[in-house]
PDB file of N, CA and C in Angstrom:
ATOM      1  N   UNK A   1      90.347  86.731  40.819  1.00  0.00           N
ATOM      2  CA  UNK A   1      91.750  86.825  41.178  1.00  0.00           C
ATOM      3  C   UNK A   1      91.995  88.216  41.756  1.00  0.00           C
ATOM      4  N   UNK A   2      92.621  88.269  42.948  1.00  0.00           N
ATOM      5  CA  UNK A   2      92.887  89.563  43.581  1.00  0.00           C
ATOM      6  C   UNK A   2      93.952  90.321  42.795  1.00  0.00           C
ATOM      7  N   UNK A   3      94.013  91.635  43.062  1.00  0.00           N
ATOM      8  CA  UNK A   3      94.966  92.480  42.348  1.00  0.00           C
ATOM      9  C   UNK A   3      96.400  92.043  42.541  1.00  0.00           C
ATOM     10  N   UNK A   4      96.775  91.719  43.803  1.00  0.00           N
ATOM     11  CA  UNK A   4      98.154  91.293  44.072  1.00  0.00           C
ATOM     12  C   UNK A   4      98.463  89.953  43.408  1.00  0.00           C
ATOM     13  N   UNK A   5      97.510  89.049  43.454  1.00  0.00           N
ATOM     14  CA  UNK A   5      97.723  87.728  42.835  1.00  0.00           C
ATOM     15  C   UNK A   5      97.877  87.869  41.318  1.00  0.00           C
ATOM     16  N   UNK A   6      97.066  88.713  40.707  1.00  0.00           N
ATOM     17  CA  UNK A   6      97.170  88.970  39.267  1.00  0.00           C
ATOM     18  C   UNK A   6      98.534  89.561  38.933  1.00  0.00           C
ATOM     19  N   UNK A   7      98.971  90.553  39.729  1.00  0.00           N
ATOM     20  CA  UNK A   7     100.274  91.180  39.480  1.00  0.00           C
ATOM     21  C   UNK A   7     101.418  90.181  39.693  1.00  0.00           C
ATOM     22  N   UNK A   8     101.293  89.326  40.705  1.00  0.00           N
ATOM     23  CA  UNK A   8     102.314  88.315  40.951  1.00  0.00           C
ATOM     24  C   UNK A   8     102.407  87.357  39.766  1.00  0.00           C
ATOM     25  N   UNK A   9     101.278  86.946  39.250  1.00  0.00           N
ATOM     26  CA  UNK A   9     101.268  86.083  38.069  1.00  0.00           C
ATOM     27  C   UNK A   9     101.904  86.804  36.884  1.00  0.00           C
ATOM     28  N   UNK A  10     101.598  88.081  36.720  1.00  0.00           N
ATOM     29  CA  UNK A  10     102.181  88.870  35.629  1.00  0.00           C
ATOM     30  C   UNK A  10     103.699  88.959  35.774  1.00  0.00           C
ATOM     31  N   UNK A  11     104.180  89.175  37.001  1.00  0.00           N
ATOM     32  CA  UNK A  11     105.627  89.252  37.246  1.00  0.00           C
ATOM     33  C   UNK A  11     106.286  87.924  36.884  1.00  0.00           C
ATOM     34  N   UNK A  12     105.640  86.817  37.260  1.00  0.00           N
ATOM     35  CA  UNK A  12     106.207  85.503  36.957  1.00  0.00           C
ATOM     36  C   UNK A  12     106.210  85.229  35.451  1.00  0.00           C
ATOM     37  N   UNK A  13     105.182  85.676  34.765  1.00  0.00           N
ATOM     38  CA  UNK A  13     105.144  85.522  33.309  1.00  0.00           C
ATOM     39  C   UNK A  13     106.247  86.351  32.659  1.00  0.00           C
ATOM     40  N   UNK A  14     106.399  87.605  33.096  1.00  0.00           N
ATOM     41  CA  UNK A  14     107.456  88.472  32.558  1.00  0.00           C
ATOM     42  C   UNK A  14     108.822  87.845  32.821  1.00  0.00           C
ATOM     43  N   UNK A  15     109.011  87.332  34.037  1.00  0.00           N
ATOM     44  CA  UNK A  15     110.285  86.706  34.367  1.00  0.00           C
ATOM     45  C   UNK A  15     110.558  85.504  33.457  1.00  0.00           C
ATOM     46  N   UNK A  16     109.548  84.684  33.243  1.00  0.00           N
ATOM     47  CA  UNK A  16     109.711  83.505  32.400  1.00  0.00           C
ATOM     48  C   UNK A  16     110.049  83.904  30.967  1.00  0.00           C
ATOM     49  N   UNK A  17     109.375  84.906  30.444  1.00  0.00           N
ATOM     50  CA  UNK A  17     109.674  85.381  29.085  1.00  0.00           C
ATOM     51  C   UNK A  17     111.092  85.945  29.007  1.00  0.00           C
ATOM     52  N   UNK A  18     111.483  86.702  30.025  1.00  0.00           N
ATOM     53  CA  UNK A  18     112.846  87.244  30.057  1.00  0.00           C
ATOM     54  C   UNK A  18     113.860  86.109  30.112  1.00  0.00           C
ATOM     55  N   UNK A  19     113.574  85.113  30.955  1.00  0.00           N
ATOM     56  CA  UNK A  19     114.484  83.976  31.071  1.00  0.00           C
ATOM     57  C   UNK A  19     114.624  83.257  29.740  1.00  0.00           C
ATOM     58  N   UNK A  20     113.512  83.001  29.064  1.00  0.00           N
ATOM     59  CA  UNK A  20     113.588  82.315  27.767  1.00  0.00           C
ATOM     60  C   UNK A  20     114.371  83.151  26.751  1.00  0.00           C
ATOM     61  N   UNK A  21     114.197  84.457  26.771  1.00  0.00           N
ATOM     62  CA  UNK A  21     114.938  85.335  25.861  1.00  0.00           C
ATOM     63  C   UNK A  21     116.438  85.277  26.151  1.00  0.00           C
ATOM     64  N   UNK A  22     116.780  85.384  27.426  1.00  0.00           N
ATOM     65  CA  UNK A  22     118.189  85.340  27.814  1.00  0.00           C
ATOM     66  C   UNK A  22     118.780  83.968  27.505  1.00  0.00           C
ATOM     67  N   UNK A  23     118.032  82.913  27.785  1.00  0.00           N
ATOM     68  CA  UNK A  23     118.509  81.557  27.485  1.00  0.00           C
ATOM     69  C   UNK A  23     118.707  81.372  25.978  1.00  0.00           C
ATOM     70  N   UNK A  24     117.792  81.905  25.172  1.00  0.00           N
ATOM     71  CA  UNK A  24     117.941  81.814  23.715  1.00  0.00           C
ATOM     72  C   UNK A  24     119.193  82.560  23.262  1.00  0.00           C
ATOM     73  N   UNK A  25     119.437  83.712  23.848  1.00  0.00           N
ATOM     74  CA  UNK A  25     120.664  84.464  23.519  1.00  0.00           C
ATOM     75  C   UNK A  25     121.897  83.654  23.905  1.00  0.00           C
ATOM     76  N   UNK A  26     121.855  83.008  25.065  1.00  0.00           N
ATOM     77  CA  UNK A  26     122.985  82.197  25.519  1.00  0.00           C
ATOM     78  C   UNK A  26     123.228  81.032  24.570  1.00  0.00           C
ATOM     79  N   UNK A  27     122.169  80.373  24.158  1.00  0.00           N
ATOM     80  CA  UNK A  27     122.301  79.256  23.207  1.00  0.00           C
ATOM     81  C   UNK A  27     122.894  79.758  21.895  1.00  0.00           C
ATOM     82  N   UNK A  28     122.445  80.912  21.418  1.00  0.00           N
ATOM     83  CA  UNK A  28     122.966  81.451  20.163  1.00  0.00           C
ATOM     84  C   UNK A  28     124.451  81.796  20.288  1.00  0.00           C
ATOM     85  N   UNK A  29     124.833  82.413  21.411  1.00  0.00           N
ATOM     86  CA  UNK A  29     126.243  82.759  21.609  1.00  0.00           C
ATOM     87  C   UNK A  29     127.097  81.485  21.624  1.00  0.00           C
ATOM     88  N   UNK A  30     126.615  80.451  22.292  1.00  0.00           N
ATOM     89  CA  UNK A  30     127.348  79.183  22.309  1.00  0.00           C
ATOM     90  C   UNK A  30     127.419  78.563  20.918  1.00  0.00           C
ATOM     91  N   UNK A  31     126.293  78.534  20.215  1.00  0.00           N
ATOM     92  CA  UNK A  31     126.243  77.979  18.864  1.00  0.00           C
ATOM     93  C   UNK A  31     127.235  78.700  17.951  1.00  0.00           C
ATOM     94  N   UNK A  32     127.200  80.016  17.989  1.00  0.00           N
ATOM     95  CA  UNK A  32     128.110  80.796  17.141  1.00  0.00           C
ATOM     96  C   UNK A  32     129.564  80.547  17.524  1.00  0.00           C
ATOM     97  N   UNK A  33     129.820  80.402  18.823  1.00  0.00           N
ATOM     98  CA  UNK A  33     131.181  80.121  19.272  1.00  0.00           C
ATOM     99  C   UNK A  33     131.687  78.779  18.765  1.00  0.00           C
ATOM    100  N   UNK A  34     130.842  77.774  18.815  1.00  0.00           N
ATOM    101  CA  UNK A  34     131.210  76.449  18.314  1.00  0.00           C
ATOM    102  C   UNK A  34     131.439  76.503  16.808  1.00  0.00           C
ATOM    103  N   UNK A  35     130.624  77.270  16.106  1.00  0.00           N
ATOM    104  CA  UNK A  35     130.742  77.398  14.642  1.00  0.00           C
ATOM    105  C   UNK A  35     131.873  78.338  14.215  1.00  0.00           C
ATOM    106  N   UNK A  36     132.504  79.013  15.174  1.00  0.00           N
ATOM    107  CA  UNK A  36     133.608  79.905  14.852  1.00  0.00           C
ATOM    108  C   UNK A  36     133.169  81.257  14.309  1.00  0.00           C
ATOM    109  N   UNK A  37     131.932  81.629  14.587  1.00  0.00           N
ATOM    110  CA  UNK A  37     131.399  82.899  14.079  1.00  0.00           C
ATOM    111  C   UNK A  37     131.273  83.908  15.204  1.00  0.00           C
ATOM    112  N   UNK A  38     131.683  85.109  14.894  1.00  0.00           N
ATOM    113  CA  UNK A  38     131.463  86.233  15.797  1.00  0.00           C
ATOM    114  C   UNK A  38     131.058  87.398  14.915  1.00  0.00           C
ATOM    115  N   UNK A  39     129.849  87.885  15.125  1.00  0.00           N
ATOM    116  CA  UNK A  39     129.343  88.994  14.323  1.00  0.00           C
ATOM    117  C   UNK A  39     128.455  89.877  15.190  1.00  0.00           C
ATOM    118  N   UNK A  40     127.758  90.806  14.567  1.00  0.00           N
ATOM    119  CA  UNK A  40     126.916  91.734  15.324  1.00  0.00           C
ATOM    120  C   UNK A  40     125.801  91.035  16.086  1.00  0.00           C
ATOM    121  N   UNK A  41     125.213  90.009  15.480  1.00  0.00           N
ATOM    122  CA  UNK A  41     124.141  89.281  16.172  1.00  0.00           C
ATOM    123  C   UNK A  41     124.679  88.607  17.430  1.00  0.00           C
ATOM    124  N   UNK A  42     125.867  88.066  17.335  1.00  0.00           N
ATOM    125  CA  UNK A  42     126.491  87.455  18.512  1.00  0.00           C
ATOM    126  C   UNK A  42     126.759  88.534  19.558  1.00  0.00           C
ATOM    127  N   UNK A  43     127.239  89.673  19.109  1.00  0.00           N
ATOM    128  CA  UNK A  43     127.495  90.781  20.033  1.00  0.00           C
ATOM    129  C   UNK A  43     126.229  91.238  20.742  1.00  0.00           C
ATOM    130  N   UNK A  44     125.135  91.322  20.006  1.00  0.00           N
ATOM    131  CA  UNK A  44     123.854  91.715  20.599  1.00  0.00           C
ATOM    132  C   UNK A  44     123.389  90.671  21.611  1.00  0.00           C
ATOM    133  N   UNK A  45     123.459  89.401  21.234  1.00  0.00           N
ATOM    134  CA  UNK A  45     123.052  88.333  22.144  1.00  0.00           C
ATOM    135  C   UNK A  45     123.950  88.307  23.386  1.00  0.00           C
ATOM    136  N   UNK A  46     125.235  88.469  23.184  1.00  0.00           N
ATOM    137  CA  UNK A  46     126.168  88.502  24.314  1.00  0.00           C
ATOM    138  C   UNK A  46     125.890  89.715  25.205  1.00  0.00           C
ATOM    139  N   UNK A  47     125.491  90.828  24.596  1.00  0.00           N
ATOM    140  CA  UNK A  47     125.144  92.011  25.376  1.00  0.00           C
ATOM    141  C   UNK A  47     123.940  91.765  26.271  1.00  0.00           C
ATOM    142  N   UNK A  48     122.954  91.033  25.765  1.00  0.00           N
ATOM    143  CA  UNK A  48     121.773  90.686  26.569  1.00  0.00           C
ATOM    144  C   UNK A  48     122.193  89.824  27.759  1.00  0.00           C
ATOM    145  N   UNK A  49     123.011  88.815  27.497  1.00  0.00           N
ATOM    146  CA  UNK A  49     123.476  87.922  28.565  1.00  0.00           C
ATOM    147  C   UNK A  49     124.321  88.699  29.572  1.00  0.00           C
ATOM    148  N   UNK A  50     125.194  89.560  29.075  1.00  0.00           N
ATOM    149  CA  UNK A  50     126.044  90.361  29.962  1.00  0.00           C
ATOM    150  C   UNK A  50     125.212  91.297  30.824  1.00  0.00           C
ATOM    151  N   UNK A  51     124.227  91.968  30.215  1.00  0.00           N
ATOM    152  CA  UNK A  51     123.369  92.877  30.978  1.00  0.00           C
ATOM    153  C   UNK A  51     122.644  92.131  32.094  1.00  0.00           C
ATOM    154  N   UNK A  52     122.103  90.962  31.780  1.00  0.00           N
ATOM    155  CA  UNK A  52     121.414  90.157  32.801  1.00  0.00           C
ATOM    156  C   UNK A  52     122.377  89.744  33.902  1.00  0.00           C
ATOM    157  N   UNK A  53     123.581  89.347  33.525  1.00  0.00           N
ATOM    158  CA  UNK A  53     124.579  88.937  34.511  1.00  0.00           C
ATOM    159  C   UNK A  53     124.932  90.100  35.428  1.00  0.00           C
ATOM    160  N   UNK A  54     125.112  91.276  34.855  1.00  0.00           N
ATOM    161  CA  UNK A  54     125.444  92.454  35.664  1.00  0.00           C
ATOM    162  C   UNK A  54     124.302  92.844  36.599  1.00  0.00           C
ATOM    163  N   UNK A  55     123.071  92.791  36.111  1.00  0.00           N
ATOM    164  CA  UNK A  55     121.906  93.095  36.949  1.00  0.00           C
ATOM    165  C   UNK A  55     121.829  92.083  38.097  1.00  0.00           C
ATOM    166  N   UNK A  56     122.016  90.818  37.791  1.00  0.00           N
ATOM    167  CA  UNK A  56     121.966  89.764  38.797  1.00  0.00           C
ATOM    168  C   UNK A  56     123.064  89.975  39.843  1.00  0.00           C
ATOM    169  N   UNK A  57     124.279  90.242  39.395  1.00  0.00           N
ATOM    170  CA  UNK A  57     125.400  90.462  40.316  1.00  0.00           C
ATOM    171  C   UNK A  57     125.196  91.725  41.154  1.00  0.00           C
ATOM    172  N   UNK A  58     124.728  92.796  40.533  1.00  0.00           N
ATOM    173  CA  UNK A  58     124.511  94.055  41.253  1.00  0.00           C
ATOM    174  C   UNK A  58     123.418  93.923  42.309  1.00  0.00           C
ATOM    175  N   UNK A  59     122.563  92.934  42.159  1.00  0.00           N
ATOM    176  CA  UNK A  59     121.471  92.725  43.114  1.00  0.00           C
ATOM    177  C   UNK A  59     121.838  91.626  44.133  1.00  0.00           C
ATOM    178  N   UNK A  60     123.126  91.450  44.368  1.00  0.00           N
ATOM    179  CA  UNK A  60     123.560  90.477  45.364  1.00  0.00           C
ATOM    180  C   UNK A  60     123.355  89.037  44.936  1.00  0.00           C
ATOM    181  N   UNK A  61     123.403  88.794  43.632  1.00  0.00           N
ATOM    182  CA  UNK A  61     123.212  87.462  43.053  1.00  0.00           C
ATOM    183  C   UNK A  61     121.834  86.881  43.391  1.00  0.00           C
ATOM    184  N   UNK A  62     120.863  87.781  43.356  1.00  0.00           N
ATOM    185  CA  UNK A  62     119.446  87.414  43.465  1.00  0.00           C
ATOM    186  C   UNK A  62     118.715  88.125  42.333  1.00  0.00           C
ATOM    187  N   UNK A  63     117.691  87.497  41.834  1.00  0.00           N
ATOM    188  CA  UNK A  63     116.883  88.139  40.805  1.00  0.00           C
ATOM    189  C   UNK A  63     116.190  89.352  41.412  1.00  0.00           C
ATOM    190  N   UNK A  64     116.262  90.500  40.754  1.00  0.00           N
ATOM    191  CA  UNK A  64     115.608  91.693  41.302  1.00  0.00           C
ATOM    192  C   UNK A  64     114.090  91.551  41.403  1.00  0.00           C
ATOM    193  N   UNK A  65     113.523  90.620  40.672  1.00  0.00           N
ATOM    194  CA  UNK A  65     112.077  90.419  40.752  1.00  0.00           C
ATOM    195  C   UNK A  65     111.670  89.653  42.001  1.00  0.00           C
ATOM    196  N   UNK A  66     112.644  89.086  42.735  1.00  0.00           N
ATOM    197  CA  UNK A  66     112.338  88.372  43.971  1.00  0.00           C
ATOM    198  C   UNK A  66     111.678  89.308  44.978  1.00  0.00           C
ATOM    199  N   UNK A  67     112.239  90.499  45.152  1.00  0.00           N
ATOM    200  CA  UNK A  67     111.655  91.470  46.092  1.00  0.00           C
ATOM    201  C   UNK A  67     110.258  91.878  45.646  1.00  0.00           C
ATOM    202  N   UNK A  68     110.067  92.020  44.348  1.00  0.00           N
ATOM    203  CA  UNK A  68     108.746  92.377  43.818  1.00  0.00           C
ATOM    204  C   UNK A  68     107.754  91.266  44.137  1.00  0.00           C
ATOM    205  N   UNK A  69     108.166  90.015  43.925  1.00  0.00           N
ATOM    206  CA  UNK A  69     107.283  88.875  44.218  1.00  0.00           C
ATOM    207  C   UNK A  69     106.932  88.824  45.703  1.00  0.00           C
ATOM    208  N   UNK A  70     107.916  89.070  46.578  1.00  0.00           N
ATOM    209  CA  UNK A  70     107.632  89.089  48.016  1.00  0.00           C
ATOM    210  C   UNK A  70     106.644  90.195  48.355  1.00  0.00           C
ATOM    211  N   UNK A  71     106.850  91.379  47.785  1.00  0.00           N
ATOM    212  CA  UNK A  71     105.937  92.501  48.033  1.00  0.00           C
ATOM    213  C   UNK A  71     104.516  92.185  47.581  1.00  0.00           C
ATOM    214  N   UNK A  72     104.390  91.325  46.583  1.00  0.00           N
ATOM    215  CA  UNK A  72     103.070  90.976  46.058  1.00  0.00           C
ATOM    216  C   UNK A  72     102.463  89.760  46.755  1.00  0.00           C
ATOM    217  N   UNK A  73     103.161  89.238  47.780  1.00  0.00           N
ATOM    218  CA  UNK A  73     102.562  88.192  48.589  1.00  0.00           C
ATOM    219  C   UNK A  73     103.146  86.808  48.465  1.00  0.00           C
ATOM    220  N   UNK A  74     104.125  86.603  47.623  1.00  0.00           N
ATOM    221  CA  UNK A  74     104.745  85.282  47.528  1.00  0.00           C
ATOM    222  C   UNK A  74     105.672  85.109  48.725  1.00  0.00           C
ATOM    223  N   UNK A  75     105.451  84.091  49.522  1.00  0.00           N
ATOM    224  CA  UNK A  75     106.214  83.898  50.755  1.00  0.00           C
ATOM    225  C   UNK A  75     107.709  83.739  50.502  1.00  0.00           C
ATOM    226  N   UNK A  76     108.076  83.083  49.419  1.00  0.00           N
ATOM    227  CA  UNK A  76     109.491  82.834  49.137  1.00  0.00           C
ATOM    228  C   UNK A  76     110.094  83.902  48.228  1.00  0.00           C
ATOM    229  N   UNK A  77     109.252  84.652  47.538  1.00  0.00           N
ATOM    230  CA  UNK A  77     109.749  85.613  46.567  1.00  0.00           C
ATOM    231  C   UNK A  77     110.146  84.967  45.269  1.00  0.00           C
ATOM    232  N   UNK A  78     109.819  83.705  45.107  1.00  0.00           N
ATOM    233  CA  UNK A  78     110.224  82.995  43.907  1.00  0.00           C
ATOM    234  C   UNK A  78     109.461  83.506  42.686  1.00  0.00           C
ATOM    235  N   UNK A  79     110.203  83.738  41.635  1.00  0.00           N
ATOM    236  CA  UNK A  79     109.574  84.123  40.368  1.00  0.00           C
ATOM    237  C   UNK A  79     109.713  83.010  39.339  1.00  0.00           C
ATOM    238  N   UNK A  80     110.332  81.907  39.746  1.00  0.00           N
ATOM    239  CA  UNK A  80     110.552  80.805  38.810  1.00  0.00           C
ATOM    240  C   UNK A  80     109.710  79.584  39.139  1.00  0.00           C
ATOM    241  N   UNK A  81     108.971  79.629  40.225  1.00  0.00           N
ATOM    242  CA  UNK A  81     108.381  78.405  40.758  1.00  0.00           C
ATOM    243  C   UNK A  81     107.230  77.815  39.962  1.00  0.00           C
ATOM    244  N   UNK A  82     106.565  78.562  39.096  1.00  0.00           N
ATOM    245  CA  UNK A  82     105.440  77.935  38.407  1.00  0.00           C
ATOM    246  C   UNK A  82     105.598  77.844  36.891  1.00  0.00           C
ATOM    247  N   UNK A  83     106.563  78.545  36.328  1.00  0.00           N
ATOM    248  CA  UNK A  83     106.665  78.557  34.872  1.00  0.00           C
ATOM    249  C   UNK A  83     107.951  77.951  34.335  1.00  0.00           C
ATOM    250  N   UNK A  84     108.830  77.491  35.216  1.00  0.00           N
ATOM    251  CA  UNK A  84     110.037  76.774  34.807  1.00  0.00           C
ATOM    252  C   UNK A  84     110.060  75.447  35.559  1.00  0.00           C
ATOM    253  N   UNK A  85     110.632  74.418  34.967  1.00  0.00           N
ATOM    254  CA  UNK A  85     110.769  73.171  35.729  1.00  0.00           C
ATOM    255  C   UNK A  85     111.543  73.424  37.020  1.00  0.00           C
ATOM    256  N   UNK A  86     111.132  72.763  38.101  1.00  0.00           N
ATOM    257  CA  UNK A  86     111.719  73.021  39.427  1.00  0.00           C
ATOM    258  C   UNK A  86     113.238  72.864  39.445  1.00  0.00           C
ATOM    259  N   UNK A  87     113.767  71.831  38.788  1.00  0.00           N
ATOM    260  CA  UNK A  87     115.211  71.623  38.808  1.00  0.00           C
ATOM    261  C   UNK A  87     115.940  72.797  38.164  1.00  0.00           C
ATOM    262  N   UNK A  88     115.429  73.274  37.046  1.00  0.00           N
ATOM    263  CA  UNK A  88     116.047  74.424  36.371  1.00  0.00           C
ATOM    264  C   UNK A  88     115.933  75.665  37.244  1.00  0.00           C
ATOM    265  N   UNK A  89     114.753  75.887  37.808  1.00  0.00           N
ATOM    266  CA  UNK A  89     114.537  77.072  38.636  1.00  0.00           C
ATOM    267  C   UNK A  89     115.505  77.117  39.814  1.00  0.00           C
ATOM    268  N   UNK A  90     115.745  75.983  40.446  1.00  0.00           N
ATOM    269  CA  UNK A  90     116.630  75.934  41.620  1.00  0.00           C
ATOM    270  C   UNK A  90     118.097  76.101  41.249  1.00  0.00           C
ATOM    271  N   UNK A  91     118.451  75.770  40.020  1.00  0.00           N
ATOM    272  CA  UNK A  91     119.867  75.717  39.639  1.00  0.00           C
ATOM    273  C   UNK A  91     120.263  76.702  38.544  1.00  0.00           C
ATOM    274  N   UNK A  92     119.494  77.750  38.352  1.00  0.00           N
ATOM    275  CA  UNK A  92     119.803  78.691  37.263  1.00  0.00           C
ATOM    276  C   UNK A  92     121.243  79.207  37.295  1.00  0.00           C
ATOM    277  N   UNK A  93     121.740  79.737  38.412  1.00  0.00           N
ATOM    278  CA  UNK A  93     123.138  80.206  38.393  1.00  0.00           C
ATOM    279  C   UNK A  93     124.132  79.087  38.107  1.00  0.00           C
ATOM    280  N   UNK A  94     123.914  77.919  38.693  1.00  0.00           N
ATOM    281  CA  UNK A  94     124.837  76.799  38.482  1.00  0.00           C
ATOM    282  C   UNK A  94     124.825  76.321  37.027  1.00  0.00           C
ATOM    283  N   UNK A  95     123.732  76.535  36.340  1.00  0.00           N
ATOM    284  CA  UNK A  95     123.637  76.174  34.921  1.00  0.00           C
ATOM    285  C   UNK A  95     124.285  77.244  34.055  1.00  0.00           C
ATOM    286  N   UNK A  96     123.985  78.496  34.345  1.00  0.00           N
ATOM    287  CA  UNK A  96     124.410  79.581  33.469  1.00  0.00           C
ATOM    288  C   UNK A  96     125.886  79.955  33.593  1.00  0.00           C
ATOM    289  N   UNK A  97     126.453  79.892  34.783  1.00  0.00           N
ATOM    290  CA  UNK A  97     127.860  80.299  34.937  1.00  0.00           C
ATOM    291  C   UNK A  97     128.789  79.455  34.061  1.00  0.00           C
ATOM    292  N   UNK A  98     128.713  78.131  34.086  1.00  0.00           N
ATOM    293  CA  UNK A  98     129.595  77.368  33.188  1.00  0.00           C
ATOM    294  C   UNK A  98     129.338  77.650  31.705  1.00  0.00           C
ATOM    295  N   UNK A  99     128.075  77.887  31.348  1.00  0.00           N
ATOM    296  CA  UNK A  99     127.766  78.204  29.949  1.00  0.00           C
ATOM    297  C   UNK A  99     128.381  79.539  29.538  1.00  0.00           C
ATOM    298  N   UNK A 100     128.309  80.512  30.422  1.00  0.00           N
ATOM    299  CA  UNK A 100     128.920  81.822  30.131  1.00  0.00           C
ATOM    300  C   UNK A 100     130.429  81.665  29.980  1.00  0.00           C
ATOM    301  N   UNK A 101     131.050  80.922  30.890  1.00  0.00           N
ATOM    302  CA  UNK A 101     132.498  80.707  30.797  1.00  0.00           C
ATOM    303  C   UNK A 101     132.873  79.974  29.512  1.00  0.00           C
ATOM    304  N   UNK A 102     132.074  78.987  29.130  1.00  0.00           N
ATOM    305  CA  UNK A 102     132.318  78.270  27.875  1.00  0.00           C
ATOM    306  C   UNK A 102     132.190  79.209  26.684  1.00  0.00           C
ATOM    307  N   UNK A 103     131.175  80.057  26.683  1.00  0.00           N
ATOM    308  CA  UNK A 103     130.983  81.007  25.577  1.00  0.00           C
ATOM    309  C   UNK A 103     132.158  81.977  25.487  1.00  0.00           C
ATOM    310  N   UNK A 104     132.605  82.480  26.620  1.00  0.00           N
ATOM    311  CA  UNK A 104     133.761  83.388  26.621  1.00  0.00           C
ATOM    312  C   UNK A 104     134.981  82.680  26.055  1.00  0.00           C
ATOM    313  N   UNK A 105     135.211  81.451  26.496  1.00  0.00           N
ATOM    314  CA  UNK A 105     136.346  80.683  25.982  1.00  0.00           C
ATOM    315  C   UNK A 105     136.249  80.478  24.471  1.00  0.00           C
ATOM    316  N   UNK A 106     135.086  80.061  23.994  1.00  0.00           N
ATOM    317  CA  UNK A 106     134.920  79.787  22.559  1.00  0.00           C
ATOM    318  C   UNK A 106     135.195  81.028  21.720  1.00  0.00           C
ATOM    319  N   UNK A 107     134.656  82.167  22.134  1.00  0.00           N
ATOM    320  CA  UNK A 107     134.853  83.383  21.345  1.00  0.00           C
ATOM    321  C   UNK A 107     136.269  83.925  21.500  1.00  0.00           C
ATOM    322  N   UNK A 108     136.887  83.728  22.646  1.00  0.00           N
ATOM    323  CA  UNK A 108     138.295  84.097  22.812  1.00  0.00           C
ATOM    324  C   UNK A 108     139.149  83.248  21.881  1.00  0.00           C
ATOM    325  N   UNK A 109     138.855  81.939  21.851  1.00  0.00           N
ATOM    326  CA  UNK A 109     139.583  81.022  20.959  1.00  0.00           C
ATOM    327  C   UNK A 109     139.412  81.435  19.503  1.00  0.00           C
ATOM    328  N   UNK A 110     138.189  81.757  19.114  1.00  0.00           N
ATOM    329  CA  UNK A 110     137.927  82.164  17.730  1.00  0.00           C
ATOM    330  C   UNK A 110     138.665  83.454  17.391  1.00  0.00           C
ATOM    331  N   UNK A 111     138.630  84.401  18.304  1.00  0.00           N
ATOM    332  CA  UNK A 111     139.329  85.677  18.073  1.00  0.00           C
ATOM    333  C   UNK A 111     140.835  85.446  17.974  1.00  0.00           C
ATOM    334  N   UNK A 112     141.365  84.618  18.869  1.00  0.00           N
ATOM    335  CA  UNK A 112     142.796  84.330  18.855  1.00  0.00           C
ATOM    336  C   UNK A 112     143.215  83.653  17.560  1.00  0.00           C
ATOM    337  N   UNK A 113     142.423  82.696  17.086  1.00  0.00           N
ATOM    338  CA  UNK A 113     142.794  82.007  15.836  1.00  0.00           C
ATOM    339  C   UNK A 113     142.718  82.932  14.637  1.00  0.00           C
ATOM    340  N   UNK A 114     141.730  83.837  14.623  1.00  0.00           N
ATOM    341  CA  UNK A 114     141.647  84.807  13.518  1.00  0.00           C
ATOM    342  C   UNK A 114     142.817  85.778  13.567  1.00  0.00           C
ATOM    343  N   UNK A 115     143.226  86.167  14.775  1.00  0.00           N
ATOM    344  CA  UNK A 115     144.369  87.066  14.917  1.00  0.00           C
ATOM    345  C   UNK A 115     145.645  86.379  14.443  1.00  0.00           C
ATOM    346  N   UNK A 116     145.817  85.095  14.792  1.00  0.00           N
ATOM    347  CA  UNK A 116     147.004  84.349  14.360  1.00  0.00           C
ATOM    348  C   UNK A 116     147.038  84.202  12.847  1.00  0.00           C
ATOM    349  N   UNK A 117     145.904  83.959  12.227  1.00  0.00           N
ATOM    350  CA  UNK A 117     145.835  83.845  10.759  1.00  0.00           C
ATOM    351  C   UNK A 117     146.231  85.174  10.143  1.00  0.00           C
ATOM    352  N   UNK A 118     145.736  86.276  10.675  1.00  0.00           N
ATOM    353  CA  UNK A 118     146.075  87.599  10.145  1.00  0.00           C
ATOM    354  C   UNK A 118     147.559  87.904  10.301  1.00  0.00           C
ATOM    355  N   UNK A 119     148.159  87.513  11.420  1.00  0.00           N
ATOM    356  CA  UNK A 119     149.585  87.750  11.657  1.00  0.00           C
ATOM    357  C   UNK A 119     150.426  86.923  10.696  1.00  0.00           C
ATOM    358  N   UNK A 120     150.037  85.680  10.499  1.00  0.00           N
ATOM    359  CA  UNK A 120     150.802  84.811   9.591  1.00  0.00           C
ATOM    360  C   UNK A 120     150.635  85.231   8.125  1.00  0.00           C
ATOM    361  N   UNK A 121     149.502  85.839   7.791  1.00  0.00           N
ATOM    362  CA  UNK A 121     149.270  86.272   6.435  1.00  0.00           C
ATOM    363  C   UNK A 121     150.039  87.544   6.098  1.00  0.00           C
ATOM    364  N   UNK A 122     150.388  88.298   7.125  1.00  0.00           N
ATOM    365  CA  UNK A 122     151.079  89.591   6.904  1.00  0.00           C
ATOM    366  C   UNK A 122     152.546  89.452   6.660  1.00  0.00           C
TER     367      UNK A 122
END
C-alpha cells in the first residue's frame, strides 16, 4: 500500500470513528431529552455535537477532511464512502439537522417545564 493510500485509509478511519462518536453523542442528547433529563453528561455530549456543527458550518458546510482526502488522491474527496453505508454518507446533513433541532426542542421544553414548576412552587 502506497503512503498516500495508507494515509487516505487512515483519514477515512478517523472520520468514521469521529462520526460514530458524534452520532452516539447525538443519540444520547435525544435520549436524555425524551427522558426529561439534562445534566453534565448531556451538556458534554451536546458540546461535542455543537463543536462538530460549528466546524462543519465554518468550513462551508463541507467536512474539513474532504480537502485532506483530495490531497491524498481521492478524486471526490469523500471520507465517508467506504466505512459508512452509502445512503447515510450521502445524507448526513439531512439526517443530522432535524435531529439537532429535535434535541434543542426537547431540552428547551424540559427547561421550560422545570422553570414553570419552580415558579409555581415559589
